[in-house]
Amino acid sequence: MLTRDGIVDTLLALAREAPRAEVSIRMLASALGVTAAAIYRHFRDKEELHRAAVDRLYAEALSRVDRSEPSWRLRLARYSDALAETYLEAPAIGQLSPLIDGRGVGELASLDFIFEALEEAGLDGQRLVDAYGAYSGHTLAFAAGMALELSRDAAHGADGASVSASPWIQTLDADALAQFPRLARLRGELMSMDTLTVYRAGVRAILDSIAPAAG
């Protein structure tokens, strides 16, 4: 029997089989052994289907966090890693997350989890909201960007691990940097940074800015 959950399960399975820019309704219907019309009896349109799939990724990311971990900071650091993991596992869906404002149960539970951790850090009022915006905005946009990069690089055999470990800066010509001494001095360090390192550095900087409130 065809169900909403079953349709989302199959959509995510297709998205995980091989990175691609999109899993079409035709592909999804074929995998399910039904017609496209049967899918649209459960979802009004493709956007509603994608909203449900993105919400599932939020729920899966949250399920990978040890909620009993006493440190609010470690819980948030783990959640940011888990979000990137789920997006890179199903990049065709992960890349859509900044474009979809679903506010389903999975996303709402994730928001509540983030606010709970930030309140443990001693934040309230506008500082609480600002910290949420900084943390959530960085993780959402950056993780989705990695998923998009993976979809674009799929033809070259890239996978989630290779994309997250790819150089953040592809090239810095030493001759061109001659007039920029700071960049020339830091060239080695900049060239050694990979995408996941930069993602985590952003998370760390945001959490560092929050930490004094927990003292």
N, C-alpha and C. Protein backbone atom coordinates (compact mmCIF):
# COMPACT_ATOMS: atom_id res chain seq x y z
N MET A 1 0.85 -1.19 0.00
CA MET A 1 0.00 0.00 0.00
C MET A 1 0.88 1.25 0.00
N LEU A 2 0.61 2.16 -0.91
CA LEU A 2 1.40 3.37 -1.04
C LEU A 2 1.05 4.35 0.08
N THR A 3 2.09 4.86 0.77
CA THR A 3 1.88 5.82 1.85
C THR A 3 2.84 7.00 1.67
N ARG A 4 2.55 8.08 2.36
CA ARG A 4 3.44 9.24 2.32
C ARG A 4 4.85 8.87 2.79
N ASP A 5 4.92 8.16 3.90
CA ASP A 5 6.24 7.78 4.43
C ASP A 5 6.97 6.88 3.45
N GLY A 6 6.26 5.97 2.83
CA GLY A 6 6.89 5.06 1.86
C GLY A 6 7.43 5.80 0.66
N ILE A 7 6.70 6.81 0.22
CA ILE A 7 7.15 7.62 -0.92
C ILE A 7 8.43 8.37 -0.55
N VAL A 8 8.44 8.97 0.64
CA VAL A 8 9.63 9.70 1.10
C VAL A 8 10.80 8.75 1.28
N ASP A 9 10.54 7.56 1.82
CA ASP A 9 11.60 6.56 1.98
C ASP A 9 12.27 6.27 0.64
N THR A 10 11.46 6.06 -0.39
CA THR A 10 11.99 5.72 -1.71
C THR A 10 12.71 6.90 -2.34
N LEU A 11 12.17 8.09 -2.17
CA LEU A 11 12.83 9.28 -2.70
C LEU A 11 14.22 9.43 -2.10
N LEU A 12 14.34 9.26 -0.79
CA LEU A 12 15.65 9.40 -0.15
C LEU A 12 16.58 8.25 -0.54
N ALA A 13 16.03 7.07 -0.72
CA ALA A 13 16.86 5.94 -1.16
C ALA A 13 17.44 6.22 -2.54
N LEU A 14 16.65 6.77 -3.45
CA LEU A 14 17.14 7.12 -4.78
C LEU A 14 18.19 8.22 -4.70
N ALA A 15 17.96 9.19 -3.83
CA ALA A 15 18.92 10.29 -3.67
C ALA A 15 20.24 9.81 -3.10
N ARG A 16 20.20 8.70 -2.36
CA ARG A 16 21.42 8.17 -1.75
C ARG A 16 22.16 7.20 -2.65
N GLU A 17 21.47 6.65 -3.63
CA GLU A 17 22.11 5.67 -4.51
C GLU A 17 23.27 6.29 -5.29
N ALA A 18 23.04 7.47 -5.83
CA ALA A 18 24.07 8.16 -6.59
C ALA A 18 23.72 9.64 -6.61
N PRO A 19 24.68 10.51 -6.34
CA PRO A 19 24.41 11.94 -6.36
C PRO A 19 23.90 12.37 -7.72
N ARG A 20 22.87 13.15 -7.71
CA ARG A 20 22.33 13.71 -8.95
C ARG A 20 21.63 15.02 -8.61
N ALA A 21 21.45 15.86 -9.61
CA ALA A 21 20.86 17.17 -9.36
C ALA A 21 19.41 17.06 -8.92
N GLU A 22 18.71 16.02 -9.39
CA GLU A 22 17.29 15.89 -9.05
C GLU A 22 16.85 14.45 -9.23
N VAL A 23 15.94 14.03 -8.38
CA VAL A 23 15.26 12.75 -8.56
C VAL A 23 13.88 13.10 -9.10
N SER A 24 13.64 12.77 -10.34
CA SER A 24 12.38 13.16 -10.98
C SER A 24 11.21 12.33 -10.47
N ILE A 25 10.02 12.86 -10.64
CA ILE A 25 8.81 12.14 -10.26
C ILE A 25 8.70 10.86 -11.10
N ARG A 26 9.13 10.93 -12.34
CA ARG A 26 9.08 9.73 -13.19
C ARG A 26 9.99 8.65 -12.62
N MET A 27 11.20 9.01 -12.20
CA MET A 27 12.11 8.04 -11.59
C MET A 27 11.52 7.47 -10.31
N LEU A 28 10.93 8.33 -9.51
CA LEU A 28 10.35 7.92 -8.25
C LEU A 28 9.17 6.95 -8.48
N ALA A 29 8.31 7.31 -9.43
CA ALA A 29 7.16 6.46 -9.73
C ALA A 29 7.61 5.09 -10.22
N SER A 30 8.64 5.07 -11.06
CA SER A 30 9.15 3.81 -11.59
C SER A 30 9.70 2.93 -10.46
N ALA A 31 10.43 3.53 -9.54
CA ALA A 31 10.98 2.77 -8.41
C ALA A 31 9.89 2.21 -7.51
N LEU A 32 8.79 2.93 -7.41
CA LEU A 32 7.67 2.51 -6.57
C LEU A 32 6.73 1.55 -7.29
N GLY A 33 6.84 1.49 -8.61
CA GLY A 33 5.94 0.65 -9.39
C GLY A 33 4.54 1.22 -9.48
N VAL A 34 4.45 2.55 -9.49
CA VAL A 34 3.15 3.22 -9.58
C VAL A 34 3.22 4.30 -10.64
N THR A 35 2.12 4.98 -10.85
CA THR A 35 2.10 6.11 -11.77
C THR A 35 2.39 7.40 -11.00
N ALA A 36 2.78 8.44 -11.71
CA ALA A 36 3.00 9.75 -11.08
C ALA A 36 1.72 10.23 -10.41
N ALA A 37 0.59 9.93 -11.04
CA ALA A 37 -0.70 10.35 -10.48
C ALA A 37 -0.91 9.77 -9.08
N ALA A 38 -0.42 8.54 -8.87
CA ALA A 38 -0.57 7.91 -7.55
C ALA A 38 0.22 8.67 -6.50
N ILE A 39 1.40 9.17 -6.87
CA ILE A 39 2.20 9.96 -5.94
C ILE A 39 1.50 11.26 -5.62
N TYR A 40 0.92 11.89 -6.64
CA TYR A 40 0.26 13.17 -6.43
C TYR A 40 -1.06 13.05 -5.66
N ARG A 41 -1.52 11.85 -5.45
CA ARG A 41 -2.67 11.67 -4.57
C ARG A 41 -2.27 11.81 -3.10
N HIS A 42 -0.97 11.66 -2.85
CA HIS A 42 -0.46 11.79 -1.48
C HIS A 42 0.23 13.14 -1.25
N PHE A 43 0.77 13.72 -2.30
CA PHE A 43 1.44 15.02 -2.20
C PHE A 43 0.86 15.95 -3.27
N ARG A 44 0.52 17.14 -2.85
CA ARG A 44 -0.12 18.09 -3.75
C ARG A 44 0.75 18.40 -4.97
N ASP A 45 2.06 18.54 -4.72
CA ASP A 45 2.98 18.83 -5.81
C ASP A 45 4.38 18.42 -5.38
N LYS A 46 5.36 18.64 -6.26
CA LYS A 46 6.73 18.24 -5.98
C LYS A 46 7.29 19.01 -4.78
N GLU A 47 6.90 20.26 -4.62
CA GLU A 47 7.41 21.05 -3.51
C GLU A 47 6.98 20.45 -2.18
N GLU A 48 5.74 19.99 -2.09
CA GLU A 48 5.28 19.38 -0.85
C GLU A 48 6.05 18.09 -0.57
N LEU A 49 6.33 17.33 -1.61
CA LEU A 49 7.11 16.10 -1.46
C LEU A 49 8.52 16.42 -0.98
N HIS A 50 9.15 17.41 -1.60
CA HIS A 50 10.50 17.80 -1.20
C HIS A 50 10.51 18.34 0.24
N ARG A 51 9.46 19.04 0.61
CA ARG A 51 9.38 19.56 1.97
C ARG A 51 9.38 18.41 2.98
N ALA A 52 8.63 17.36 2.68
CA ALA A 52 8.57 16.21 3.57
C ALA A 52 9.92 15.50 3.63
N ALA A 53 10.62 15.43 2.48
CA ALA A 53 11.92 14.76 2.45
C ALA A 53 12.97 15.55 3.23
N VAL A 54 12.98 16.86 3.07
CA VAL A 54 13.91 17.71 3.82
C VAL A 54 13.63 17.58 5.32
N ASP A 55 12.36 17.55 5.68
CA ASP A 55 12.01 17.42 7.09
C ASP A 55 12.53 16.09 7.65
N ARG A 56 12.49 15.05 6.83
CA ARG A 56 13.02 13.76 7.26
C ARG A 56 14.53 13.85 7.54
N LEU A 57 15.25 14.62 6.71
CA LEU A 57 16.69 14.77 6.93
C LEU A 57 16.97 15.48 8.25
N TYR A 58 16.16 16.48 8.59
CA TYR A 58 16.31 17.13 9.90
C TYR A 58 16.16 16.10 11.02
N ALA A 59 15.13 15.28 10.89
CA ALA A 59 14.87 14.28 11.93
C ALA A 59 16.02 13.27 12.02
N GLU A 60 16.54 12.86 10.89
CA GLU A 60 17.64 11.89 10.88
C GLU A 60 18.90 12.50 11.49
N ALA A 61 19.18 13.75 11.16
CA ALA A 61 20.36 14.41 11.74
C ALA A 61 20.23 14.46 13.26
N LEU A 62 19.06 14.83 13.74
CA LEU A 62 18.86 14.94 15.18
C LEU A 62 18.98 13.58 15.86
N SER A 63 18.56 12.53 15.17
CA SER A 63 18.62 11.18 15.75
C SER A 63 20.06 10.71 15.95
N ARG A 64 21.01 11.35 15.29
CA ARG A 64 22.41 10.95 15.41
C ARG A 64 23.14 11.67 16.55
N VAL A 65 22.42 12.48 17.27
CA VAL A 65 23.01 13.23 18.39
C VAL A 65 22.66 12.54 19.71
N ASP A 66 23.65 12.40 20.56
CA ASP A 66 23.42 11.84 21.90
C ASP A 66 22.82 12.94 22.76
N ARG A 67 21.52 12.86 22.95
CA ARG A 67 20.84 13.92 23.70
C ARG A 67 21.21 13.91 25.18
N SER A 68 21.83 12.81 25.65
CA SER A 68 22.23 12.75 27.06
C SER A 68 23.59 13.39 27.30
N GLU A 69 24.29 13.79 26.24
CA GLU A 69 25.57 14.47 26.39
C GLU A 69 25.38 15.73 27.23
N PRO A 70 26.10 15.86 28.36
CA PRO A 70 25.87 17.00 29.25
C PRO A 70 26.34 18.35 28.70
N SER A 71 27.26 18.34 27.76
CA SER A 71 27.79 19.60 27.24
C SER A 71 26.92 20.12 26.09
N TRP A 72 26.33 21.30 26.28
CA TRP A 72 25.52 21.90 25.23
C TRP A 72 26.36 22.13 23.98
N ARG A 73 27.63 22.49 24.20
CA ARG A 73 28.51 22.78 23.06
C ARG A 73 28.78 21.52 22.23
N LEU A 74 29.07 20.41 22.89
CA LEU A 74 29.33 19.17 22.16
C LEU A 74 28.08 18.68 21.43
N ARG A 75 26.91 18.90 22.02
CA ARG A 75 25.67 18.49 21.35
C ARG A 75 25.48 19.29 20.06
N LEU A 76 25.72 20.60 20.12
CA LEU A 76 25.56 21.42 18.93
C LEU A 76 26.63 21.12 17.88
N ALA A 77 27.85 20.84 18.33
CA ALA A 77 28.92 20.48 17.38
C ALA A 77 28.57 19.17 16.68
N ARG A 78 28.04 18.21 17.42
CA ARG A 78 27.66 16.94 16.82
C ARG A 78 26.49 17.11 15.85
N TYR A 79 25.53 17.95 16.22
CA TYR A 79 24.38 18.17 15.34
C TYR A 79 24.81 18.79 14.02
N SER A 80 25.73 19.74 14.07
CA SER A 80 26.18 20.37 12.83
C SER A 80 26.87 19.34 11.93
N ASP A 81 27.66 18.45 12.51
CA ASP A 81 28.28 17.38 11.73
C ASP A 81 27.21 16.45 11.15
N ALA A 82 26.22 16.10 11.97
CA ALA A 82 25.18 15.18 11.53
C ALA A 82 24.35 15.78 10.40
N LEU A 83 24.10 17.08 10.46
CA LEU A 83 23.34 17.73 9.40
C LEU A 83 24.09 17.65 8.08
N ALA A 84 25.40 17.94 8.12
CA ALA A 84 26.21 17.84 6.91
C ALA A 84 26.24 16.40 6.39
N GLU A 85 26.34 15.45 7.28
CA GLU A 85 26.36 14.03 6.88
C GLU A 85 25.09 13.65 6.13
N THR A 86 23.94 14.00 6.68
CA THR A 86 22.68 13.61 6.05
C THR A 86 22.50 14.30 4.71
N TYR A 87 22.93 15.57 4.61
CA TYR A 87 22.80 16.28 3.33
C TYR A 87 23.70 15.67 2.27
N LEU A 88 24.90 15.26 2.67
CA LEU A 88 25.83 14.68 1.70
C LEU A 88 25.44 13.25 1.32
N GLU A 89 24.71 12.58 2.19
CA GLU A 89 24.24 11.24 1.87
C GLU A 89 23.10 11.28 0.84
N ALA A 90 22.30 12.32 0.89
CA ALA A 90 21.17 12.49 -0.05
C ALA A 90 21.23 13.90 -0.63
N PRO A 91 22.27 14.19 -1.44
CA PRO A 91 22.53 15.56 -1.87
C PRO A 91 21.42 16.19 -2.70
N ALA A 92 20.69 15.39 -3.47
CA ALA A 92 19.62 15.95 -4.28
C ALA A 92 18.54 16.59 -3.41
N ILE A 93 18.39 16.09 -2.19
CA ILE A 93 17.42 16.66 -1.26
C ILE A 93 18.08 17.67 -0.33
N GLY A 94 19.27 17.35 0.17
CA GLY A 94 19.95 18.26 1.09
C GLY A 94 20.16 19.65 0.53
N GLN A 95 20.47 19.73 -0.76
CA GLN A 95 20.72 21.04 -1.36
C GLN A 95 19.48 21.92 -1.42
N LEU A 96 18.30 21.32 -1.26
CA LEU A 96 17.06 22.08 -1.33
C LEU A 96 16.69 22.75 -0.01
N SER A 97 17.34 22.36 1.07
CA SER A 97 16.89 22.78 2.40
C SER A 97 16.79 24.29 2.61
N PRO A 98 17.72 25.12 2.09
CA PRO A 98 17.56 26.56 2.32
C PRO A 98 16.38 27.16 1.56
N LEU A 99 15.89 26.42 0.57
CA LEU A 99 14.81 26.93 -0.28
C LEU A 99 13.44 26.52 0.22
N ILE A 100 13.40 25.65 1.21
CA ILE A 100 12.13 25.10 1.68
C ILE A 100 11.92 25.47 3.14
N ASP A 101 10.83 26.18 3.39
CA ASP A 101 10.49 26.59 4.76
C ASP A 101 9.32 25.73 5.21
N GLY A 102 9.64 24.47 5.52
CA GLY A 102 8.58 23.50 5.78
C GLY A 102 7.99 23.56 7.17
N ARG A 103 8.87 23.71 8.16
CA ARG A 103 8.45 23.69 9.56
C ARG A 103 7.64 22.46 9.91
N GLY A 104 8.12 21.30 9.43
CA GLY A 104 7.52 20.02 9.81
C GLY A 104 8.03 19.60 11.17
N VAL A 105 7.59 18.44 11.61
CA VAL A 105 7.95 17.97 12.96
C VAL A 105 9.45 17.80 13.11
N GLY A 106 10.12 17.26 12.07
CA GLY A 106 11.56 17.06 12.15
C GLY A 106 12.32 18.37 12.30
N GLU A 107 11.94 19.36 11.52
CA GLU A 107 12.61 20.66 11.60
C GLU A 107 12.29 21.35 12.93
N LEU A 108 11.05 21.29 13.35
CA LEU A 108 10.68 21.93 14.61
C LEU A 108 11.40 21.30 15.80
N ALA A 109 11.54 19.97 15.76
CA ALA A 109 12.28 19.29 16.84
C ALA A 109 13.74 19.73 16.84
N SER A 110 14.31 19.94 15.66
CA SER A 110 15.69 20.40 15.56
C SER A 110 15.84 21.82 16.10
N LEU A 111 14.89 22.68 15.76
CA LEU A 111 14.92 24.04 16.28
C LEU A 111 14.83 24.05 17.80
N ASP A 112 13.93 23.24 18.33
CA ASP A 112 13.77 23.17 19.77
C ASP A 112 15.04 22.67 20.43
N PHE A 113 15.69 21.69 19.81
CA PHE A 113 16.96 21.15 20.30
C PHE A 113 18.03 22.24 20.36
N ILE A 114 18.12 23.05 19.31
CA ILE A 114 19.12 24.12 19.26
C ILE A 114 18.84 25.16 20.35
N PHE A 115 17.58 25.57 20.46
CA PHE A 115 17.23 26.57 21.48
C PHE A 115 17.48 26.03 22.89
N GLU A 116 17.19 24.76 23.10
CA GLU A 116 17.45 24.16 24.41
C GLU A 116 18.93 24.26 24.78
N ALA A 117 19.80 23.93 23.81
CA ALA A 117 21.24 23.98 24.06
C ALA A 117 21.70 25.41 24.32
N LEU A 118 21.17 26.35 23.54
CA LEU A 118 21.58 27.74 23.70
C LEU A 118 21.09 28.32 25.03
N GLU A 119 19.93 27.91 25.47
CA GLU A 119 19.45 28.35 26.78
C GLU A 119 20.33 27.77 27.89
N GLU A 120 20.79 26.53 27.71
CA GLU A 120 21.73 25.95 28.68
C GLU A 120 23.01 26.76 28.74
N ALA A 121 23.38 27.38 27.60
CA ALA A 121 24.59 28.20 27.56
C ALA A 121 24.39 29.54 28.24
N GLY A 122 23.18 29.81 28.70
CA GLY A 122 22.92 31.04 29.44
C GLY A 122 22.32 32.16 28.62
N LEU A 123 21.93 31.87 27.40
CA LEU A 123 21.38 32.92 26.55
C LEU A 123 19.88 33.06 26.73
N ASP A 124 19.41 34.28 26.54
CA ASP A 124 17.96 34.52 26.52
C ASP A 124 17.69 35.77 25.70
N GLY A 125 16.43 36.06 25.48
CA GLY A 125 16.06 37.26 24.75
C GLY A 125 16.67 37.33 23.37
N GLN A 126 17.09 38.54 22.99
CA GLN A 126 17.62 38.76 21.66
C GLN A 126 18.94 38.03 21.42
N ARG A 127 19.74 37.89 22.48
CA ARG A 127 21.01 37.15 22.32
C ARG A 127 20.74 35.70 21.94
N LEU A 128 19.69 35.14 22.51
CA LEU A 128 19.31 33.77 22.19
C LEU A 128 18.91 33.65 20.72
N VAL A 129 18.08 34.57 20.28
CA VAL A 129 17.61 34.54 18.89
C VAL A 129 18.75 34.80 17.92
N ASP A 130 19.62 35.75 18.25
CA ASP A 130 20.76 36.05 17.38
C ASP A 130 21.69 34.85 17.25
N ALA A 131 21.96 34.19 18.38
CA ALA A 131 22.85 33.03 18.35
C ALA A 131 22.23 31.91 17.52
N TYR A 132 20.94 31.71 17.67
CA TYR A 132 20.26 30.69 16.86
C TYR A 132 20.40 31.03 15.38
N GLY A 133 20.18 32.30 15.03
CA GLY A 133 20.28 32.72 13.63
C GLY A 133 21.66 32.48 13.06
N ALA A 134 22.69 32.80 13.83
CA ALA A 134 24.06 32.61 13.36
C ALA A 134 24.39 31.13 13.18
N TYR A 135 24.08 30.34 14.18
CA TYR A 135 24.39 28.91 14.13
C TYR A 135 23.57 28.20 13.05
N SER A 136 22.28 28.40 13.07
CA SER A 136 21.40 27.72 12.12
C SER A 136 21.66 28.18 10.69
N GLY A 137 21.86 29.49 10.52
CA GLY A 137 22.13 30.00 9.17
C GLY A 137 23.40 29.44 8.59
N HIS A 138 24.45 29.36 9.39
CA HIS A 138 25.73 28.83 8.91
C HIS A 138 25.62 27.36 8.56
N THR A 139 25.08 26.56 9.47
CA THR A 139 25.03 25.12 9.23
C THR A 139 24.13 24.78 8.05
N LEU A 140 22.98 25.42 7.99
CA LEU A 140 22.02 25.13 6.91
C LEU A 140 22.59 25.48 5.55
N ALA A 141 23.08 26.71 5.40
CA ALA A 141 23.57 27.17 4.10
C ALA A 141 24.83 26.42 3.68
N PHE A 142 25.75 26.22 4.60
CA PHE A 142 27.02 25.59 4.24
C PHE A 142 26.82 24.11 3.91
N ALA A 143 26.03 23.40 4.73
CA ALA A 143 25.78 21.98 4.47
C ALA A 143 25.05 21.79 3.14
N ALA A 144 24.09 22.66 2.86
CA ALA A 144 23.38 22.58 1.58
C ALA A 144 24.31 22.89 0.42
N GLY A 145 25.24 23.82 0.63
CA GLY A 145 26.22 24.14 -0.41
C GLY A 145 27.11 22.96 -0.72
N MET A 146 27.51 22.22 0.31
CA MET A 146 28.32 21.02 0.07
C MET A 146 27.53 19.98 -0.70
N ALA A 147 26.23 19.85 -0.39
CA ALA A 147 25.38 18.91 -1.11
C ALA A 147 25.24 19.30 -2.57
N LEU A 148 25.11 20.60 -2.83
CA LEU A 148 25.02 21.09 -4.20
C LEU A 148 26.31 20.81 -4.95
N GLU A 149 27.44 21.06 -4.30
CA GLU A 149 28.74 20.79 -4.92
C GLU A 149 28.87 19.31 -5.26
N LEU A 150 28.40 18.45 -4.37
CA LEU A 150 28.47 17.02 -4.62
C LEU A 150 27.63 16.63 -5.83
N SER A 151 26.44 17.20 -5.95
CA SER A 151 25.59 16.91 -7.11
C SER A 151 26.27 17.35 -8.40
N ARG A 152 26.91 18.49 -8.37
CA ARG A 152 27.56 19.00 -9.59
C ARG A 152 28.79 18.19 -9.96
N ASP A 153 29.46 17.63 -8.95
CA ASP A 153 30.69 16.88 -9.20
C ASP A 153 30.45 15.39 -9.39
N ALA A 154 29.18 14.96 -9.35
CA ALA A 154 28.88 13.54 -9.42
C ALA A 154 29.41 12.89 -10.69
N ALA A 155 29.40 13.63 -11.78
CA ALA A 155 29.86 13.08 -13.06
C ALA A 155 31.35 12.74 -13.01
N HIS A 156 32.07 13.32 -12.07
CA HIS A 156 33.51 13.07 -11.95
C HIS A 156 33.82 12.03 -10.87
N GLY A 157 32.75 11.38 -10.40
CA GLY A 157 32.95 10.30 -9.43
C GLY A 157 33.14 10.76 -8.00
N ALA A 158 32.75 11.98 -7.70
CA ALA A 158 32.92 12.49 -6.33
C ALA A 158 31.92 11.81 -5.40
N ASP A 159 32.30 11.69 -4.14
CA ASP A 159 31.37 11.22 -3.13
C ASP A 159 31.39 12.20 -1.96
N GLY A 160 30.55 11.92 -0.96
CA GLY A 160 30.46 12.86 0.15
C GLY A 160 31.78 13.11 0.84
N ALA A 161 32.56 12.05 1.02
CA ALA A 161 33.84 12.19 1.72
C ALA A 161 34.81 13.04 0.91
N SER A 162 34.84 12.83 -0.42
CA SER A 162 35.79 13.58 -1.24
C SER A 162 35.40 15.04 -1.34
N VAL A 163 34.09 15.32 -1.37
CA VAL A 163 33.65 16.71 -1.44
C VAL A 163 33.97 17.44 -0.15
N SER A 164 33.68 16.83 0.99
CA SER A 164 33.95 17.49 2.26
C SER A 164 35.44 17.67 2.50
N ALA A 165 36.26 16.81 1.86
CA ALA A 165 37.71 16.90 2.02
C ALA A 165 38.37 17.66 0.88
N SER A 166 37.58 18.23 -0.02
CA SER A 166 38.17 18.95 -1.15
C SER A 166 38.73 20.29 -0.69
N PRO A 167 39.77 20.81 -1.36
CA PRO A 167 40.37 22.08 -0.94
C PRO A 167 39.34 23.22 -0.94
N TRP A 168 39.38 24.02 0.11
CA TRP A 168 38.48 25.17 0.19
C TRP A 168 38.87 26.21 -0.85
N ILE A 169 40.16 26.41 -1.03
CA ILE A 169 40.68 27.31 -2.07
C ILE A 169 41.45 26.46 -3.05
N GLN A 170 41.03 26.46 -4.29
CA GLN A 170 41.61 25.56 -5.28
C GLN A 170 43.02 25.98 -5.70
N THR A 171 43.25 27.27 -5.83
CA THR A 171 44.57 27.73 -6.27
C THR A 171 44.86 29.13 -5.77
N LEU A 172 46.10 29.36 -5.44
CA LEU A 172 46.60 30.70 -5.08
C LEU A 172 47.98 30.83 -5.72
N ASP A 173 48.05 31.52 -6.83
CA ASP A 173 49.30 31.64 -7.57
C ASP A 173 50.32 32.45 -6.77
N ALA A 174 51.47 31.86 -6.54
CA ALA A 174 52.50 32.50 -5.72
C ALA A 174 52.96 33.82 -6.32
N ASP A 175 53.09 33.87 -7.64
CA ASP A 175 53.54 35.11 -8.28
C ASP A 175 52.52 36.22 -8.12
N ALA A 176 51.24 35.87 -8.26
CA ALA A 176 50.19 36.87 -8.13
C ALA A 176 50.10 37.41 -6.71
N LEU A 177 50.54 36.60 -5.74
CA LEU A 177 50.44 37.00 -4.34
C LEU A 177 51.61 37.88 -3.89
N ALA A 178 52.52 38.13 -4.78
CA ALA A 178 53.72 38.90 -4.40
C ALA A 178 53.36 40.27 -3.83
N GLN A 179 52.28 40.86 -4.34
CA GLN A 179 51.89 42.20 -3.87
C GLN A 179 50.97 42.15 -2.64
N PHE A 180 50.67 40.93 -2.18
CA PHE A 180 49.81 40.78 -1.01
C PHE A 180 50.55 39.93 0.03
N PRO A 181 51.42 40.56 0.81
CA PRO A 181 52.30 39.81 1.71
C PRO A 181 51.58 38.95 2.74
N ARG A 182 50.42 39.39 3.21
CA ARG A 182 49.68 38.58 4.18
C ARG A 182 49.23 37.27 3.55
N LEU A 183 48.68 37.37 2.36
CA LEU A 183 48.22 36.17 1.67
C LEU A 183 49.39 35.26 1.31
N ALA A 184 50.50 35.88 0.91
CA ALA A 184 51.68 35.08 0.58
C ALA A 184 52.17 34.31 1.80
N ARG A 185 52.14 34.98 2.96
CA ARG A 185 52.61 34.34 4.19
C ARG A 185 51.69 33.20 4.61
N LEU A 186 50.40 33.35 4.37
CA LEU A 186 49.43 32.36 4.82
C LEU A 186 49.04 31.37 3.73
N ARG A 187 49.70 31.44 2.59
CA ARG A 187 49.30 30.61 1.44
C ARG A 187 49.24 29.12 1.80
N GLY A 188 50.25 28.63 2.48
CA GLY A 188 50.29 27.21 2.81
C GLY A 188 49.12 26.80 3.68
N GLU A 189 48.84 27.59 4.71
CA GLU A 189 47.72 27.28 5.60
C GLU A 189 46.39 27.35 4.87
N LEU A 190 46.23 28.36 4.02
CA LEU A 190 44.98 28.49 3.27
C LEU A 190 44.77 27.32 2.32
N MET A 191 45.84 26.92 1.64
CA MET A 191 45.72 25.83 0.68
C MET A 191 45.48 24.48 1.35
N SER A 192 45.81 24.39 2.63
CA SER A 192 45.64 23.11 3.34
C SER A 192 44.23 22.95 3.91
N MET A 193 43.43 24.01 3.87
CA MET A 193 42.09 23.94 4.44
C MET A 193 41.15 23.20 3.48
N ASP A 194 40.37 22.27 4.03
CA ASP A 194 39.37 21.61 3.20
C ASP A 194 37.98 22.11 3.59
N THR A 195 36.98 21.71 2.81
CA THR A 195 35.64 22.24 2.98
C THR A 195 35.07 21.94 4.36
N LEU A 196 35.23 20.72 4.84
CA LEU A 196 34.70 20.36 6.15
C LEU A 196 35.40 21.12 7.27
N THR A 197 36.71 21.36 7.10
CA THR A 197 37.45 22.14 8.10
C THR A 197 36.88 23.55 8.22
N VAL A 198 36.58 24.15 7.08
CA VAL A 198 36.02 25.51 7.09
C VAL A 198 34.63 25.51 7.71
N TYR A 199 33.84 24.51 7.37
CA TYR A 199 32.49 24.38 7.95
C TYR A 199 32.57 24.29 9.47
N ARG A 200 33.45 23.43 9.95
CA ARG A 200 33.58 23.26 11.40
C ARG A 200 34.19 24.49 12.05
N ALA A 201 35.06 25.18 11.34
CA ALA A 201 35.65 26.41 11.90
C ALA A 201 34.57 27.46 12.12
N GLY A 202 33.63 27.54 11.19
CA GLY A 202 32.52 28.47 11.35
C GLY A 202 31.67 28.12 12.55
N VAL A 203 31.36 26.84 12.70
CA VAL A 203 30.59 26.39 13.86
C VAL A 203 31.35 26.71 15.14
N ARG A 204 32.65 26.41 15.14
CA ARG A 204 33.47 26.65 16.34
C ARG A 204 33.50 28.13 16.71
N ALA A 205 33.61 28.99 15.71
CA ALA A 205 33.65 30.43 15.97
C ALA A 205 32.34 30.92 16.58
N ILE A 206 31.24 30.38 16.07
CA ILE A 206 29.94 30.76 16.61
C ILE A 206 29.79 30.28 18.04
N LEU A 207 30.19 29.04 18.30
CA LEU A 207 30.09 28.50 19.66
C LEU A 207 31.05 29.22 20.60
N ASP A 208 32.21 29.61 20.10
CA ASP A 208 33.17 30.38 20.93
C ASP A 208 32.55 31.70 21.37
N SER A 209 31.77 32.30 20.46
CA SER A 209 31.16 33.60 20.79
C SER A 209 30.07 33.46 21.83
N ILE A 210 29.52 32.26 21.96
CA ILE A 210 28.47 32.00 22.92
C ILE A 210 29.04 31.59 24.27
N ALA A 211 30.16 30.89 24.26
CA ALA A 211 30.74 30.27 25.46
C ALA A 211 30.85 31.22 26.67
N PRO A 212 31.26 32.49 26.52
CA PRO A 212 31.39 33.35 27.71
C PRO A 212 30.11 33.45 28.53
N ALA A 213 28.96 33.34 27.84
CA ALA A 213 27.69 33.45 28.56
C ALA A 213 27.46 32.25 29.46
N ALA A 214 28.14 31.15 29.15
CA ALA A 214 27.95 29.94 29.95
C ALA A 214 28.87 29.92 31.18
N GLY A 215 29.79 30.89 31.24
CA GLY A 215 30.74 30.89 32.32
C GLY A 215 30.15 31.41 33.65
